[in-house]
Every structure is written in structure tokens, then in C-alpha cells.
Amino acid sequence: MDLQTEKEMIQRCLAGEPEAWDQLFAEHYGPVGRYIFQISSTFTREDADEICQEVFLSVVNKLGSFGGKSRLQTWLFRIAANKARDYHAKTMAAKRGGGEVPLSLQTEDEDGNRLIDPPSTEGTPDEGMIQDEDWRLVGEALAQLGGPCQEILELRYFGDLSYHELSVELEINEKTVSSRISKCKGKLASVMRNLFSQRNLGAFPSEVPSKG
């Protein structure tokens, strides 16, 4: 969808046209859902769908505050990232505090990998929990970076946008995309080293952690 068509769709949504809202949901619900699903390795499809519903409920209530300084999808991804982190933090707090959180232990991804491991019966640290903590710190570091760095890294690594898609989305050329990602990864690594050091979790890896 080109920028002008997007602006017209938003205006029609704000005018209360149901067809425009249908168009917005059809265009963006799938990409936002996939984006959410990639933010945490522990999210099930049901988790992602629940968060996605919260995102679009927020969009319905706050679309009038969208200033148009970025593409709509970028704005949606920012809302989704915040909602996902809140959901993840709430779930982790409930697990650590003894609260009951419904989890499907049999949920698998498309490659047949178990998305959530059953609790350990041996009392040893769960590797999945460590990975989740790593990703929580990545999110915290991105929030500290803020601005263009947070935007481009989230779109690249969580939104899975290609360099060309980032170029179109951010209205910059692909060489600038490459340069900005490189610089922002360096800044992220610096923030992450501090965060990991503070929590005695070891050195920050040279690349963004792999969820595979």
C-alpha cells in the first residue's frame, strides 16, 4: 500500500467507515501477529493472538493520535513491542511468584520444535528461561537506545524486514540502512554489555541472540 492510499485509509477509519477498518485489519493484522510471535521464544500462537488483539484494540482507540511521521506499520510495531513486553513481563512475574499461567506444553513451531519446555524436575536452571531473560534484556536495551536505533533494529530483527523493505519503510536508501544497522548494533552491544554485567550474566554476544 502506497503512502497516499494509507493516509486515505486512515482518514476513512477516523471518519467511522467500517470498510476502512476492515482494510486496515486485513493489511496489518497478519504482519503484526508474526512480529509479536518472534519477539519471545516462549510465545505460543495463542499468546501472539491475544497480544495482537490488545494491539488493535489500542489502535481503534488511539488511531487519532497517529501523527503520520512514520508508516502506519512502524507505529503498529511499536505498539506491539510494548504490548508484547508487558505481556511477557506479566507472565514471567506470575511464574516466578507462583501464579498460574496457562501454557501449552505441546505447542510446536513449523519445524516441529517444542516452543515451551516442561518444567525441570531436577531443579537445575532451565535454558529456556535463561534465553527468555536474554531477550528481556535485549528489549530493555532497545528501549534505552530509543529513537531511530530502536526502530530500525526492531523492524529488522523482530519485524524481519529486508534491507529493501526498511529502505521503503524508513524512506532512506539501502546503503544508509546498512550503515545505520551496523552503527546501531554497536550501540546496542555496548548497552547490552552493561546490562549483562550488572546482572552477572556474562558477556554480550557479537550478534543479536538467535531464537532458533
Protein backbone atom coordinates (compact mmCIF):
# COMPACT_ATOMS: atom_id res chain seq x y z
CA MET A 1 0.00 0.00 0.00
CA ASP A 2 1.48 3.35 -1.01
CA LEU A 3 1.67 6.24 1.42
CA GLN A 4 -1.19 8.23 -0.10
CA THR A 5 -3.55 5.25 -0.07
CA GLU A 6 -2.57 4.57 3.53
CA LYS A 7 -3.34 8.16 4.55
CA GLU A 8 -6.71 7.98 2.84
CA MET A 9 -7.50 4.70 4.60
CA ILE A 10 -6.63 6.22 7.99
CA GLN A 11 -8.86 9.22 7.33
CA ARG A 12 -11.70 6.92 6.37
CA CYS A 13 -11.16 4.92 9.57
CA LEU A 14 -11.30 8.10 11.63
CA ALA A 15 -14.50 9.01 9.80
CA GLY A 16 -16.00 5.76 11.03
CA GLU A 17 -16.12 3.77 7.79
CA PRO A 18 -16.34 0.04 8.64
CA GLU A 19 -14.87 -0.91 5.25
CA ALA A 20 -11.75 1.13 6.00
CA TRP A 21 -11.27 -0.62 9.34
CA ASP A 22 -11.67 -3.97 7.58
CA GLN A 23 -8.98 -2.88 5.14
CA LEU A 24 -6.63 -1.80 7.94
CA PHE A 25 -7.07 -5.10 9.78
CA ALA A 26 -6.66 -7.18 6.62
CA GLU A 27 -3.49 -5.29 5.69
CA HIS A 28 -1.77 -5.30 9.08
CA TYR A 29 -3.16 -7.98 11.42
CA GLY A 30 -1.06 -10.78 9.90
CA PRO A 31 2.29 -8.92 9.88
CA VAL A 32 1.75 -7.63 13.44
CA GLY A 33 0.88 -11.15 14.63
CA ARG A 34 4.05 -12.58 13.06
CA TYR A 35 6.09 -9.73 14.53
CA ILE A 36 4.76 -10.45 18.03
CA PHE A 37 5.36 -14.18 17.68
CA GLN A 38 9.06 -13.56 17.02
CA ILE A 39 9.64 -11.25 19.99
CA SER A 40 9.81 -14.07 22.55
CA SER A 41 10.67 -17.72 22.05
CA THR A 42 8.04 -18.65 24.66
CA PHE A 43 5.07 -17.06 22.92
CA THR A 44 2.53 -19.55 21.64
CA ARG A 45 0.24 -18.75 18.74
CA GLU A 46 -2.49 -18.14 21.31
CA ASP A 47 -0.26 -15.67 23.17
CA ALA A 48 0.53 -13.82 19.96
CA ASP A 49 -3.14 -13.66 19.02
CA GLU A 50 -4.11 -12.34 22.45
CA ILE A 51 -1.43 -9.64 22.30
CA CYS A 52 -2.41 -8.81 18.73
CA GLN A 53 -5.99 -8.25 19.83
CA GLU A 54 -4.76 -5.88 22.52
CA VAL A 55 -2.68 -4.03 19.92
CA PHE A 56 -5.61 -3.47 17.59
CA LEU A 57 -7.95 -2.52 20.43
CA SER A 58 -5.38 0.15 21.27
CA VAL A 59 -5.24 1.16 17.60
CA VAL A 60 -9.01 1.58 17.47
CA ASN A 61 -8.84 3.85 20.50
CA LYS A 62 -5.69 5.78 19.57
CA LEU A 63 -5.56 5.99 15.78
CA GLY A 64 -6.38 9.68 16.03
CA SER A 65 -3.07 10.23 17.82
CA PHE A 66 -1.07 8.75 14.94
CA GLY A 67 0.92 11.69 13.68
CA GLY A 68 1.94 10.23 10.34
CA LYS A 69 5.67 10.79 10.96
CA SER A 70 6.29 7.13 10.14
CA ARG A 71 4.47 4.49 8.17
CA LEU A 72 1.45 3.01 9.93
CA GLN A 73 3.13 -0.40 10.17
CA THR A 74 6.07 1.09 12.03
CA TRP A 75 3.68 2.67 14.52
CA LEU A 76 1.82 -0.63 14.90
CA PHE A 77 5.07 -2.49 15.52
CA ARG A 78 6.00 -0.04 18.26
CA ILE A 79 2.65 -0.61 19.98
CA ALA A 80 3.05 -4.36 19.51
CA ALA A 81 6.55 -4.35 21.01
CA ASN A 82 5.30 -2.54 24.11
CA LYS A 83 2.27 -4.81 24.49
CA ALA A 84 4.42 -7.92 23.99
CA ARG A 85 6.97 -6.84 26.59
CA ASP A 86 4.21 -6.05 29.08
CA TYR A 87 2.62 -9.44 28.44
CA HIS A 88 5.96 -11.24 28.76
CA ALA A 89 6.86 -9.41 31.97
CA LYS A 90 3.44 -10.19 33.46
CA THR A 91 3.77 -13.87 32.54
CA MET A 92 7.29 -14.15 33.94
CA ALA A 93 6.27 -12.39 37.15
CA ALA A 94 3.33 -14.76 37.56
CA LYS A 95 5.58 -17.80 37.04
CA ARG A 96 8.20 -16.57 39.50
CA GLY A 97 5.58 -15.54 42.01
CA GLY A 98 3.78 -18.85 41.92
CA GLY A 99 0.82 -17.60 39.90
CA GLU A 100 -0.82 -19.93 37.44
CA VAL A 101 -0.31 -19.07 33.79
CA PRO A 102 -1.93 -21.37 31.18
CA LEU A 103 0.76 -22.75 28.90
CA SER A 104 0.53 -25.36 26.16
CA LEU A 105 3.47 -27.69 26.67
CA GLN A 106 2.82 -29.43 23.37
CA THR A 107 2.88 -26.34 21.13
CA GLU A 108 5.40 -26.73 18.32
CA ASP A 109 6.64 -24.46 15.59
CA GLU A 110 6.50 -25.26 11.87
CA ASP A 111 9.75 -27.27 12.15
CA GLY A 112 8.39 -29.42 14.93
CA ASN A 113 10.42 -27.78 17.70
CA ARG A 114 8.81 -27.55 21.12
CA LEU A 115 8.14 -23.87 21.86
CA ILE A 116 7.81 -24.33 25.61
CA ASP A 117 9.72 -26.92 27.60
CA PRO A 118 8.06 -28.66 30.55
CA PRO A 119 9.34 -27.53 33.96
CA SER A 120 12.54 -29.28 35.02
CA THR A 121 12.11 -31.99 37.64
CA GLU A 122 15.76 -31.80 38.67
CA GLY A 123 15.78 -28.24 39.99
CA THR A 124 18.51 -27.10 37.56
CA PRO A 125 18.26 -23.75 35.72
CA ASP A 126 16.10 -24.01 32.64
CA GLU A 127 17.96 -22.99 29.50
CA GLY A 128 14.77 -21.63 28.01
CA MET A 129 14.35 -19.31 30.98
CA ILE A 130 17.91 -18.03 30.51
CA GLN A 131 17.20 -17.37 26.85
CA ASP A 132 13.99 -15.54 27.80
CA GLU A 133 15.97 -13.38 30.22
CA ASP A 134 18.42 -12.62 27.44
CA TRP A 135 15.61 -11.48 25.20
CA ARG A 136 14.08 -9.41 28.01
CA LEU A 137 17.42 -7.63 28.34
CA VAL A 138 17.55 -7.11 24.58
CA GLY A 139 14.17 -5.42 24.82
CA GLU A 140 15.35 -3.33 27.76
CA ALA A 141 18.48 -2.32 25.85
CA LEU A 142 16.46 -1.37 22.78
CA ALA A 143 14.19 0.77 24.94
CA GLN A 144 17.26 2.53 26.33
CA LEU A 145 18.53 3.19 22.82
CA GLY A 146 15.21 4.58 21.67
CA GLY A 147 14.80 6.69 18.55
CA PRO A 148 15.99 5.56 15.12
CA CYS A 149 18.17 2.76 16.51
CA GLN A 150 15.32 1.09 18.39
CA GLU A 151 13.08 1.49 15.37
CA ILE A 152 15.40 0.02 12.76
CA LEU A 153 16.65 -2.88 14.92
CA GLU A 154 13.16 -3.91 15.97
CA LEU A 155 11.91 -3.75 12.40
CA ARG A 156 14.93 -5.69 11.14
CA TYR A 157 15.23 -8.42 13.79
CA PHE A 158 11.68 -8.66 15.17
CA GLY A 159 9.72 -7.44 12.15
CA ASP A 160 12.02 -9.41 9.81
CA LEU A 161 12.02 -6.63 7.22
CA SER A 162 14.61 -6.87 4.46
CA TYR A 163 17.02 -4.03 3.74
CA HIS A 164 14.86 -3.05 0.77
CA GLU A 165 11.70 -3.07 2.90
CA LEU A 166 13.45 -1.00 5.56
CA SER A 167 14.57 1.43 2.87
CA VAL A 168 10.96 1.91 1.75
CA GLU A 169 9.55 1.95 5.29
CA LEU A 170 12.04 4.49 6.65
CA GLU A 171 12.42 6.44 3.39
CA ILE A 172 16.20 6.10 3.27
CA ASN A 173 18.44 4.38 0.74
CA GLU A 174 19.66 0.83 1.30
CA LYS A 175 23.28 1.89 1.91
CA THR A 176 22.05 4.11 4.74
CA VAL A 177 20.02 1.18 6.09
CA SER A 178 23.14 -0.99 6.18
CA SER A 179 25.24 1.73 7.80
CA ARG A 180 22.58 2.57 10.39
CA ILE A 181 22.07 -1.07 11.36
CA SER A 182 25.80 -1.56 11.78
CA LYS A 183 26.17 1.53 13.97
CA CYS A 184 23.04 0.76 15.97
CA LYS A 185 24.16 -2.83 16.62
CA GLY A 186 27.38 -1.42 18.03
CA LYS A 187 25.43 0.88 20.33
CA LEU A 188 23.13 -1.98 21.33
CA ALA A 189 26.12 -4.19 22.14
CA SER A 190 27.52 -1.50 24.43
CA VAL A 191 24.23 -1.15 26.30
CA MET A 192 23.84 -4.91 26.50
CA ARG A 193 27.33 -5.40 27.94
CA ASN A 194 26.43 -3.04 30.75
CA LEU A 195 23.12 -4.76 31.40
CA PHE A 196 24.62 -8.25 31.33
CA SER A 197 27.48 -7.14 33.55
CA GLN A 198 25.05 -5.68 36.08
CA ARG A 199 23.18 -8.98 36.21
CA ASN A 200 26.29 -11.19 36.13
CA LEU A 201 25.06 -12.92 33.01
CA GLY A 202 28.33 -12.84 31.12
CA ALA A 203 29.48 -11.01 28.02
CA PHE A 204 27.14 -9.89 25.30
CA PRO A 205 27.46 -11.94 22.10
CA SER A 206 28.68 -10.31 18.90
CA GLU A 207 25.28 -10.77 17.26
CA VAL A 208 21.71 -10.40 18.39
CA PRO A 209 20.81 -13.72 20.14
CA SER A 210 19.33 -16.35 17.87
CA LYS A 211 15.92 -17.67 18.74
CA GLY A 212 16.48 -20.73 16.59
